[in-house]
PDB file of N, CA and C in Angstrom:
ATOM      1  N   MET A   1     -25.587  18.529 -14.219  1.00  0.00           N
ATOM      2  CA  MET A   1     -24.141  18.683 -14.132  1.00  0.00           C
ATOM      3  C   MET A   1     -23.969  19.578 -12.796  1.00  0.00           C
ATOM      4  N   HIS A   2     -22.827  19.358 -12.207  1.00  0.00           N
ATOM      5  CA  HIS A   2     -22.442  20.019 -10.968  1.00  0.00           C
ATOM      6  C   HIS A   2     -21.317  21.007 -11.281  1.00  0.00           C
ATOM      7  N   PHE A   3     -21.342  22.063 -10.421  1.00  0.00           N
ATOM      8  CA  PHE A   3     -20.341  23.113 -10.482  1.00  0.00           C
ATOM      9  C   PHE A   3     -19.943  23.497  -9.134  1.00  0.00           C
ATOM     10  N   VAL A   4     -18.691  23.823  -8.985  1.00  0.00           N
ATOM     11  CA  VAL A   4     -18.323  24.396  -7.588  1.00  0.00           C
ATOM     12  C   VAL A   4     -17.795  25.803  -7.724  1.00  0.00           C
ATOM     13  N   ALA A   5     -18.364  26.686  -6.750  1.00  0.00           N
ATOM     14  CA  ALA A   5     -17.907  28.054  -6.612  1.00  0.00           C
ATOM     15  C   ALA A   5     -17.179  28.264  -5.436  1.00  0.00           C
ATOM     16  N   LEU A   6     -16.003  28.773  -5.577  1.00  0.00           N
ATOM     17  CA  LEU A   6     -15.063  29.047  -4.449  1.00  0.00           C
ATOM     18  C   LEU A   6     -15.025  30.648  -4.470  1.00  0.00           C
ATOM     19  N   CYS A   7     -15.450  31.220  -3.253  1.00  0.00           N
ATOM     20  CA  CYS A   7     -15.675  32.556  -3.106  1.00  0.00           C
ATOM     21  C   CYS A   7     -14.837  33.058  -1.899  1.00  0.00           C
ATOM     22  N   GLU A   8     -13.966  33.930  -2.049  1.00  0.00           N
ATOM     23  CA  GLU A   8     -13.085  34.504  -0.970  1.00  0.00           C
ATOM     24  C   GLU A   8     -13.600  35.819  -0.664  1.00  0.00           C
ATOM     25  N   ASP A   9     -13.857  36.111   0.669  1.00  0.00           N
ATOM     26  CA  ASP A   9     -14.415  37.390   1.134  1.00  0.00           C
ATOM     27  C   ASP A   9     -13.144  38.450   0.978  1.00  0.00           C
ATOM     28  N   LYS A  10     -13.622  39.716   0.942  1.00  0.00           N
ATOM     29  CA  LYS A  10     -12.584  40.792   0.996  1.00  0.00           C
ATOM     30  C   LYS A  10     -12.104  40.939   2.319  1.00  0.00           C
ATOM     31  N   PRO A  11     -10.915  41.376   2.536  1.00  0.00           N
ATOM     32  CA  PRO A  11     -10.426  41.592   3.875  1.00  0.00           C
ATOM     33  C   PRO A  11     -11.356  42.408   4.785  1.00  0.00           C
ATOM     34  N   ASN A  12     -11.409  41.998   5.986  1.00  0.00           N
ATOM     35  CA  ASN A  12     -12.368  42.733   6.996  1.00  0.00           C
ATOM     36  C   ASN A  12     -13.809  42.687   6.508  1.00  0.00           C
ATOM     37  N   GLY A  13     -14.301  41.633   5.851  1.00  0.00           N
ATOM     38  CA  GLY A  13     -15.663  41.503   5.314  1.00  0.00           C
ATOM     39  C   GLY A  13     -16.583  40.945   6.366  1.00  0.00           C
ATOM     40  N   LEU A  14     -16.171  40.534   7.405  1.00  0.00           N
ATOM     41  CA  LEU A  14     -17.105  39.833   8.445  1.00  0.00           C
ATOM     42  C   LEU A  14     -18.378  40.734   8.722  1.00  0.00           C
ATOM     43  N   SER A  15     -18.207  41.960   8.872  1.00  0.00           N
ATOM     44  CA  SER A  15     -19.373  42.782   9.265  1.00  0.00           C
ATOM     45  C   SER A  15     -20.385  42.851   8.089  1.00  0.00           C
ATOM     46  N   LEU A  16     -19.901  42.918   6.882  1.00  0.00           N
ATOM     47  CA  LEU A  16     -20.768  42.928   5.750  1.00  0.00           C
ATOM     48  C   LEU A  16     -21.449  41.589   5.655  1.00  0.00           C
ATOM     49  N   ARG A  17     -20.576  40.565   5.780  1.00  0.00           N
ATOM     50  CA  ARG A  17     -21.153  39.101   5.728  1.00  0.00           C
ATOM     51  C   ARG A  17     -22.204  38.913   6.733  1.00  0.00           C
ATOM     52  N   THR A  18     -22.073  39.420   7.898  1.00  0.00           N
ATOM     53  CA  THR A  18     -23.062  39.222   9.050  1.00  0.00           C
ATOM     54  C   THR A  18     -24.310  39.969   8.754  1.00  0.00           C
ATOM     55  N   GLU A  19     -24.211  41.139   8.215  1.00  0.00           N
ATOM     56  CA  GLU A  19     -25.331  42.040   7.880  1.00  0.00           C
ATOM     57  C   GLU A  19     -26.283  41.386   6.742  1.00  0.00           C
ATOM     58  N   VAL A  20     -25.412  40.772   5.642  1.00  0.00           N
ATOM     59  CA  VAL A  20     -26.342  40.355   4.442  1.00  0.00           C
ATOM     60  C   VAL A  20     -26.707  38.868   4.694  1.00  0.00           C
ATOM     61  N   ARG A  21     -26.107  38.151   5.613  1.00  0.00           N
ATOM     62  CA  ARG A  21     -26.353  36.653   5.730  1.00  0.00           C
ATOM     63  C   ARG A  21     -27.765  36.244   5.880  1.00  0.00           C
ATOM     64  N   PRO A  22     -28.691  37.010   6.509  1.00  0.00           N
ATOM     65  CA  PRO A  22     -30.153  36.498   6.561  1.00  0.00           C
ATOM     66  C   PRO A  22     -30.693  36.474   5.039  1.00  0.00           C
ATOM     67  N   VAL A  23     -30.465  37.481   4.245  1.00  0.00           N
ATOM     68  CA  VAL A  23     -30.981  37.460   2.918  1.00  0.00           C
ATOM     69  C   VAL A  23     -30.348  36.529   1.962  1.00  0.00           C
ATOM     70  N   HIS A  24     -29.063  36.270   2.389  1.00  0.00           N
ATOM     71  CA  HIS A  24     -28.205  35.296   1.519  1.00  0.00           C
ATOM     72  C   HIS A  24     -28.862  33.876   1.792  1.00  0.00           C
ATOM     73  N   LEU A  25     -29.135  33.534   3.030  1.00  0.00           N
ATOM     74  CA  LEU A  25     -29.681  32.221   3.443  1.00  0.00           C
ATOM     75  C   LEU A  25     -31.044  32.093   2.805  1.00  0.00           C
ATOM     76  N   ASP A  26     -31.899  33.107   2.597  1.00  0.00           N
ATOM     77  CA  ASP A  26     -33.118  32.946   2.117  1.00  0.00           C
ATOM     78  C   ASP A  26     -32.943  32.757   0.628  1.00  0.00           C
ATOM     79  N   TYR A  27     -32.046  33.359  -0.092  1.00  0.00           N
ATOM     80  CA  TYR A  27     -31.746  33.221  -1.453  1.00  0.00           C
ATOM     81  C   TYR A  27     -31.382  31.743  -1.780  1.00  0.00           C
ATOM     82  N   LEU A  28     -30.540  31.151  -0.923  1.00  0.00           N
ATOM     83  CA  LEU A  28     -30.071  29.803  -1.197  1.00  0.00           C
ATOM     84  C   LEU A  28     -31.240  28.745  -1.228  1.00  0.00           C
ATOM     85  N   LYS A  29     -32.357  29.218  -0.599  1.00  0.00           N
ATOM     86  CA  LYS A  29     -33.530  28.179  -0.473  1.00  0.00           C
ATOM     87  C   LYS A  29     -34.257  28.228  -1.862  1.00  0.00           C
ATOM     88  N   THR A  30     -33.874  29.188  -2.645  1.00  0.00           N
ATOM     89  CA  THR A  30     -34.499  29.312  -3.960  1.00  0.00           C
ATOM     90  C   THR A  30     -33.791  28.790  -5.260  1.00  0.00           C
ATOM     91  N   VAL A  31     -32.557  28.369  -5.023  1.00  0.00           N
ATOM     92  CA  VAL A  31     -31.699  27.954  -6.189  1.00  0.00           C
ATOM     93  C   VAL A  31     -31.194  26.471  -5.869  1.00  0.00           C
ATOM     94  N   PRO A  32     -30.693  25.830  -6.934  1.00  0.00           N
ATOM     95  CA  PRO A  32     -30.211  24.481  -6.820  1.00  0.00           C
ATOM     96  C   PRO A  32     -28.868  24.342  -6.169  1.00  0.00           C
ATOM     97  N   ILE A  33     -28.729  24.828  -5.062  1.00  0.00           N
ATOM     98  CA  ILE A  33     -27.373  24.655  -4.348  1.00  0.00           C
ATOM     99  C   ILE A  33     -27.494  23.233  -3.584  1.00  0.00           C
ATOM    100  N   ARG A  34     -26.457  22.340  -3.812  1.00  0.00           N
ATOM    101  CA  ARG A  34     -26.647  21.079  -3.093  1.00  0.00           C
ATOM    102  C   ARG A  34     -25.853  21.044  -1.896  1.00  0.00           C
ATOM    103  N   ILE A  35     -24.881  21.750  -1.782  1.00  0.00           N
ATOM    104  CA  ILE A  35     -24.022  21.814  -0.700  1.00  0.00           C
ATOM    105  C   ILE A  35     -23.432  23.245  -0.522  1.00  0.00           C
ATOM    106  N   ALA A  36     -23.380  23.797   0.563  1.00  0.00           N
ATOM    107  CA  ALA A  36     -22.849  25.244   0.900  1.00  0.00           C
ATOM    108  C   ALA A  36     -22.367  25.352   2.226  1.00  0.00           C
ATOM    109  N   GLY A  37     -21.374  26.191   2.315  1.00  0.00           N
ATOM    110  CA  GLY A  37     -20.899  26.553   3.754  1.00  0.00           C
ATOM    111  C   GLY A  37     -19.841  27.517   3.628  1.00  0.00           C
ATOM    112  N   PRO A  38     -19.513  28.122   4.805  1.00  0.00           N
ATOM    113  CA  PRO A  38     -18.523  29.127   4.879  1.00  0.00           C
ATOM    114  C   PRO A  38     -17.013  28.537   5.020  1.00  0.00           C
ATOM    115  N   PHE A  39     -16.121  29.186   4.340  1.00  0.00           N
ATOM    116  CA  PHE A  39     -14.686  28.948   4.679  1.00  0.00           C
ATOM    117  C   PHE A  39     -14.413  29.628   6.001  1.00  0.00           C
ATOM    118  N   LEU A  40     -13.558  29.042   6.781  1.00  0.00           N
ATOM    119  CA  LEU A  40     -13.180  29.621   8.135  1.00  0.00           C
ATOM    120  C   LEU A  40     -11.778  29.973   8.165  1.00  0.00           C
ATOM    121  N   ALA A  41     -11.479  31.074   8.945  1.00  0.00           N
ATOM    122  CA  ALA A  41     -10.205  31.440   9.341  1.00  0.00           C
ATOM    123  C   ALA A  41      -9.427  30.439  10.144  1.00  0.00           C
ATOM    124  N   GLU A  42      -8.242  30.615  10.484  1.00  0.00           N
ATOM    125  CA  GLU A  42      -7.488  29.685  11.255  1.00  0.00           C
ATOM    126  C   GLU A  42      -7.961  29.400  12.697  1.00  0.00           C
ATOM    127  N   ASP A  43      -8.783  30.424  13.101  1.00  0.00           N
ATOM    128  CA  ASP A  43      -9.369  30.319  14.404  1.00  0.00           C
ATOM    129  C   ASP A  43     -10.542  29.216  14.453  1.00  0.00           C
ATOM    130  N   GLY A  44     -10.973  28.773  13.289  1.00  0.00           N
ATOM    131  CA  GLY A  44     -12.006  27.722  13.169  1.00  0.00           C
ATOM    132  C   GLY A  44     -13.435  28.309  13.379  1.00  0.00           C
ATOM    133  N   GLU A  45     -13.486  29.699  13.402  1.00  0.00           N
ATOM    134  CA  GLU A  45     -14.813  30.323  13.738  1.00  0.00           C
ATOM    135  C   GLU A  45     -15.159  31.454  12.766  1.00  0.00           C
ATOM    136  N   THR A  46     -14.245  32.282  12.566  1.00  0.00           N
ATOM    137  CA  THR A  46     -14.441  33.499  11.674  1.00  0.00           C
ATOM    138  C   THR A  46     -14.669  33.093  10.187  1.00  0.00           C
ATOM    139  N   MET A  47     -15.773  33.446   9.665  1.00  0.00           N
ATOM    140  CA  MET A  47     -16.179  33.175   8.206  1.00  0.00           C
ATOM    141  C   MET A  47     -15.349  34.013   7.401  1.00  0.00           C
ATOM    142  N   VAL A  48     -14.715  33.609   6.264  1.00  0.00           N
ATOM    143  CA  VAL A  48     -13.967  34.229   5.396  1.00  0.00           C
ATOM    144  C   VAL A  48     -14.095  34.025   3.949  1.00  0.00           C
ATOM    145  N   GLY A  49     -15.207  33.302   3.627  1.00  0.00           N
ATOM    146  CA  GLY A  49     -15.403  32.790   2.222  1.00  0.00           C
ATOM    147  C   GLY A  49     -16.629  31.926   2.228  1.00  0.00           C
ATOM    148  N   THR A  50     -16.821  31.360   1.003  1.00  0.00           N
ATOM    149  CA  THR A  50     -18.047  30.548   0.796  1.00  0.00           C
ATOM    150  C   THR A  50     -17.657  29.475  -0.189  1.00  0.00           C
ATOM    151  N   LEU A  51     -18.202  28.225  -0.099  1.00  0.00           N
ATOM    152  CA  LEU A  51     -18.073  27.171  -1.084  1.00  0.00           C
ATOM    153  C   LEU A  51     -19.536  26.764  -1.406  1.00  0.00           C
ATOM    154  N   TYR A  52     -19.811  26.584  -2.673  1.00  0.00           N
ATOM    155  CA  TYR A  52     -21.123  26.081  -3.083  1.00  0.00           C
ATOM    156  C   TYR A  52     -20.929  24.962  -4.098  1.00  0.00           C
ATOM    157  N   VAL A  53     -21.794  23.953  -3.930  1.00  0.00           N
ATOM    158  CA  VAL A  53     -21.907  22.969  -4.986  1.00  0.00           C
ATOM    159  C   VAL A  53     -23.265  23.212  -5.662  1.00  0.00           C
ATOM    160  N   ILE A  54     -23.200  23.611  -6.770  1.00  0.00           N
ATOM    161  CA  ILE A  54     -24.385  23.930  -7.651  1.00  0.00           C
ATOM    162  C   ILE A  54     -24.820  22.965  -8.702  1.00  0.00           C
ATOM    163  N   GLU A  55     -26.069  22.607  -8.776  1.00  0.00           N
ATOM    164  CA  GLU A  55     -26.537  21.799  -9.960  1.00  0.00           C
ATOM    165  C   GLU A  55     -27.176  22.725 -10.986  1.00  0.00           C
ATOM    166  N   ALA A  56     -26.549  22.658 -12.119  1.00  0.00           N
ATOM    167  CA  ALA A  56     -27.016  23.506 -13.272  1.00  0.00           C
ATOM    168  C   ALA A  56     -26.740  22.923 -14.557  1.00  0.00           C
ATOM    169  N   ASP A  57     -27.439  23.356 -15.610  1.00  0.00           N
ATOM    170  CA  ASP A  57     -27.246  22.902 -16.980  1.00  0.00           C
ATOM    171  C   ASP A  57     -26.012  23.283 -17.671  1.00  0.00           C
ATOM    172  N   SER A  58     -25.457  24.426 -17.115  1.00  0.00           N
ATOM    173  CA  SER A  58     -24.290  25.032 -17.877  1.00  0.00           C
ATOM    174  C   SER A  58     -23.548  25.931 -16.901  1.00  0.00           C
ATOM    175  N   LEU A  59     -22.277  26.194 -17.258  1.00  0.00           N
ATOM    176  CA  LEU A  59     -21.424  27.104 -16.441  1.00  0.00           C
ATOM    177  C   LEU A  59     -22.020  28.418 -16.353  1.00  0.00           C
ATOM    178  N   ALA A  60     -22.565  28.994 -17.384  1.00  0.00           N
ATOM    179  CA  ALA A  60     -23.302  30.247 -17.468  1.00  0.00           C
ATOM    180  C   ALA A  60     -24.460  30.299 -16.409  1.00  0.00           C
ATOM    181  N   GLU A  61     -25.114  29.176 -16.413  1.00  0.00           N
ATOM    182  CA  GLU A  61     -26.316  29.107 -15.386  1.00  0.00           C
ATOM    183  C   GLU A  61     -25.772  29.155 -13.879  1.00  0.00           C
ATOM    184  N   ALA A  62     -24.704  28.329 -13.727  1.00  0.00           N
ATOM    185  CA  ALA A  62     -24.102  28.306 -12.412  1.00  0.00           C
ATOM    186  C   ALA A  62     -23.583  29.615 -11.924  1.00  0.00           C
ATOM    187  N   GLN A  63     -22.868  30.322 -13.006  1.00  0.00           N
ATOM    188  CA  GLN A  63     -22.305  31.674 -12.707  1.00  0.00           C
ATOM    189  C   GLN A  63     -23.401  32.615 -12.384  1.00  0.00           C
ATOM    190  N   LYS A  64     -24.598  32.546 -13.013  1.00  0.00           N
ATOM    191  CA  LYS A  64     -25.676  33.484 -12.755  1.00  0.00           C
ATOM    192  C   LYS A  64     -26.194  33.157 -11.325  1.00  0.00           C
ATOM    193  N   ILE A  65     -26.160  32.005 -10.853  1.00  0.00           N
ATOM    194  CA  ILE A  65     -26.696  31.827  -9.587  1.00  0.00           C
ATOM    195  C   ILE A  65     -25.787  32.501  -8.516  1.00  0.00           C
ATOM    196  N   VAL A  66     -24.465  32.363  -8.825  1.00  0.00           N
ATOM    197  CA  VAL A  66     -23.609  33.074  -7.901  1.00  0.00           C
ATOM    198  C   VAL A  66     -23.590  34.591  -8.044  1.00  0.00           C
ATOM    199  N   ASP A  67     -23.659  35.029  -9.244  1.00  0.00           N
ATOM    200  CA  ASP A  67     -23.831  36.479  -9.448  1.00  0.00           C
ATOM    201  C   ASP A  67     -25.100  37.165  -8.793  1.00  0.00           C
ATOM    202  N   GLU A  68     -26.180  36.287  -8.638  1.00  0.00           N
ATOM    203  CA  GLU A  68     -27.436  36.838  -8.188  1.00  0.00           C
ATOM    204  C   GLU A  68     -27.421  36.720  -6.585  1.00  0.00           C
ATOM    205  N   ASP A  69     -26.411  36.020  -5.922  1.00  0.00           N
ATOM    206  CA  ASP A  69     -26.443  35.825  -4.586  1.00  0.00           C
ATOM    207  C   ASP A  69     -26.269  37.183  -3.857  1.00  0.00           C
ATOM    208  N   PRO A  70     -26.986  37.486  -2.812  1.00  0.00           N
ATOM    209  CA  PRO A  70     -26.891  38.762  -2.175  1.00  0.00           C
ATOM    210  C   PRO A  70     -25.418  39.036  -1.641  1.00  0.00           C
ATOM    211  N   PHE A  71     -24.694  38.052  -1.307  1.00  0.00           N
ATOM    212  CA  PHE A  71     -23.319  38.253  -0.953  1.00  0.00           C
ATOM    213  C   PHE A  71     -22.504  38.822  -2.098  1.00  0.00           C
ATOM    214  N   THR A  72     -22.719  38.294  -3.211  1.00  0.00           N
ATOM    215  CA  THR A  72     -22.051  38.816  -4.432  1.00  0.00           C
ATOM    216  C   THR A  72     -22.548  40.330  -4.802  1.00  0.00           C
ATOM    217  N   LYS A  73     -23.746  40.413  -4.718  1.00  0.00           N
ATOM    218  CA  LYS A  73     -24.336  41.819  -4.997  1.00  0.00           C
ATOM    219  C   LYS A  73     -23.978  42.914  -3.998  1.00  0.00           C
ATOM    220  N   ALA A  74     -23.726  42.442  -2.733  1.00  0.00           N
ATOM    221  CA  ALA A  74     -23.215  43.314  -1.732  1.00  0.00           C
ATOM    222  C   ALA A  74     -21.774  43.703  -1.821  1.00  0.00           C
ATOM    223  N   GLY A  75     -21.014  43.040  -2.666  1.00  0.00           N
ATOM    224  CA  GLY A  75     -19.502  43.143  -2.821  1.00  0.00           C
ATOM    225  C   GLY A  75     -18.745  42.506  -1.847  1.00  0.00           C
ATOM    226  N   LEU A  76     -19.219  41.489  -1.218  1.00  0.00           N
ATOM    227  CA  LEU A  76     -18.394  40.805  -0.162  1.00  0.00           C
ATOM    228  C   LEU A  76     -17.215  40.046  -0.670  1.00  0.00           C
ATOM    229  N   PHE A  77     -17.201  39.540  -1.839  1.00  0.00           N
ATOM    230  CA  PHE A  77     -16.259  38.637  -2.334  1.00  0.00           C
ATOM    231  C   PHE A  77     -15.092  39.425  -3.084  1.00  0.00           C
ATOM    232  N   SER A  78     -13.910  38.973  -2.806  1.00  0.00           N
ATOM    233  CA  SER A  78     -12.655  39.579  -3.412  1.00  0.00           C
ATOM    234  C   SER A  78     -12.414  38.766  -4.720  1.00  0.00           C
ATOM    235  N   SER A  79     -12.756  37.543  -4.704  1.00  0.00           N
ATOM    236  CA  SER A  79     -12.557  36.642  -5.876  1.00  0.00           C
ATOM    237  C   SER A  79     -13.748  35.552  -5.837  1.00  0.00           C
ATOM    238  N   VAL A  80     -14.112  35.161  -7.143  1.00  0.00           N
ATOM    239  CA  VAL A  80     -15.098  34.092  -7.248  1.00  0.00           C
ATOM    240  C   VAL A  80     -14.559  33.185  -8.330  1.00  0.00           C
ATOM    241  N   THR A  81     -14.596  31.893  -8.132  1.00  0.00           N
ATOM    242  CA  THR A  81     -14.154  30.959  -9.230  1.00  0.00           C
ATOM    243  C   THR A  81     -15.276  29.927  -9.335  1.00  0.00           C
ATOM    244  N   VAL A  82     -15.836  29.726 -10.455  1.00  0.00           N
ATOM    245  CA  VAL A  82     -16.848  28.757 -10.739  1.00  0.00           C
ATOM    246  C   VAL A  82     -16.273  27.748 -11.782  1.00  0.00           C
ATOM    247  N   ARG A  83     -16.418  26.446 -11.403  1.00  0.00           N
ATOM    248  CA  ARG A  83     -15.715  25.422 -12.331  1.00  0.00           C
ATOM    249  C   ARG A  83     -16.681  24.226 -12.398  1.00  0.00           C
ATOM    250  N   PRO A  84     -16.688  23.482 -13.502  1.00  0.00           N
ATOM    251  CA  PRO A  84     -17.414  22.284 -13.626  1.00  0.00           C
ATOM    252  C   PRO A  84     -16.760  21.403 -12.658  1.00  0.00           C
ATOM    253  N   TRP A  85     -17.616  20.308 -12.081  1.00  0.00           N
ATOM    254  CA  TRP A  85     -17.116  19.456 -11.036  1.00  0.00           C
ATOM    255  C   TRP A  85     -17.819  18.123 -11.192  1.00  0.00           C
ATOM    256  N   ARG A  86     -17.124  17.053 -11.013  1.00  0.00           N
ATOM    257  CA  ARG A  86     -17.672  15.639 -11.038  1.00  0.00           C
ATOM    258  C   ARG A  86     -17.639  15.128  -9.599  1.00  0.00           C
ATOM    259  N   TRP A  87     -18.862  14.820  -9.115  1.00  0.00           N
ATOM    260  CA  TRP A  87     -19.023  14.294  -7.932  1.00  0.00           C
ATOM    261  C   TRP A  87     -18.391  12.896  -7.880  1.00  0.00           C
ATOM    262  N   GLY A  88     -17.547  12.615  -6.831  1.00  0.00           N
ATOM    263  CA  GLY A  88     -16.795  11.379  -6.702  1.00  0.00           C
ATOM    264  C   GLY A  88     -17.241  10.663  -5.517  1.00  0.00           C
ATOM    265  N   ILE A  89     -16.459  10.591  -4.486  1.00  0.00           N
ATOM    266  CA  ILE A  89     -16.686   9.798  -3.245  1.00  0.00           C
ATOM    267  C   ILE A  89     -17.764  10.560  -2.394  1.00  0.00           C
ATOM    268  N   GLY A  90     -18.665   9.765  -1.814  1.00  0.00           N
ATOM    269  CA  GLY A  90     -19.731  10.369  -1.000  1.00  0.00           C
ATOM    270  C   GLY A  90     -20.901  10.921  -1.713  1.00  0.00           C
ATOM    271  N   LYS A  91     -21.104  10.544  -2.869  1.00  0.00           N
ATOM    272  CA  LYS A  91     -22.297  11.074  -3.621  1.00  0.00           C
ATOM    273  C   LYS A  91     -23.586  10.516  -2.936  1.00  0.00           C
ATOM    274  N   PRO A  92     -24.486  11.607  -2.603  1.00  0.00           N
ATOM    275  CA  PRO A  92     -25.797  11.189  -1.938  1.00  0.00           C
ATOM    276  C   PRO A  92     -26.611  10.474  -2.886  1.00  0.00           C
ATOM    277  N   ALA A  93     -27.487   9.727  -2.294  1.00  0.00           N
ATOM    278  CA  ALA A  93     -28.521   8.868  -3.026  1.00  0.00           C
ATOM    279  C   ALA A  93     -29.498   9.642  -3.881  1.00  0.00           C
TER     280      ALA A  93
END
């Protein structure tokens, strides 16, 4: 089953995001994240949040993956929403 996590950074979180990002990227290599990437500000460059597509057996398992992310542990996010999601168009083989 797939889940989507929508994570919004706290205001002025870019320096914390930049500091923690290497550990965050290492963490993503250890969990079943299928797609991930940052939300961008209107300038198209400044990272202001994160989107994950997670493969997990339950909502609780997906939530745990997000909770254990170094970004979450560092307090980067002002809000996190994890929801079940059905892949539609563009599903990979």
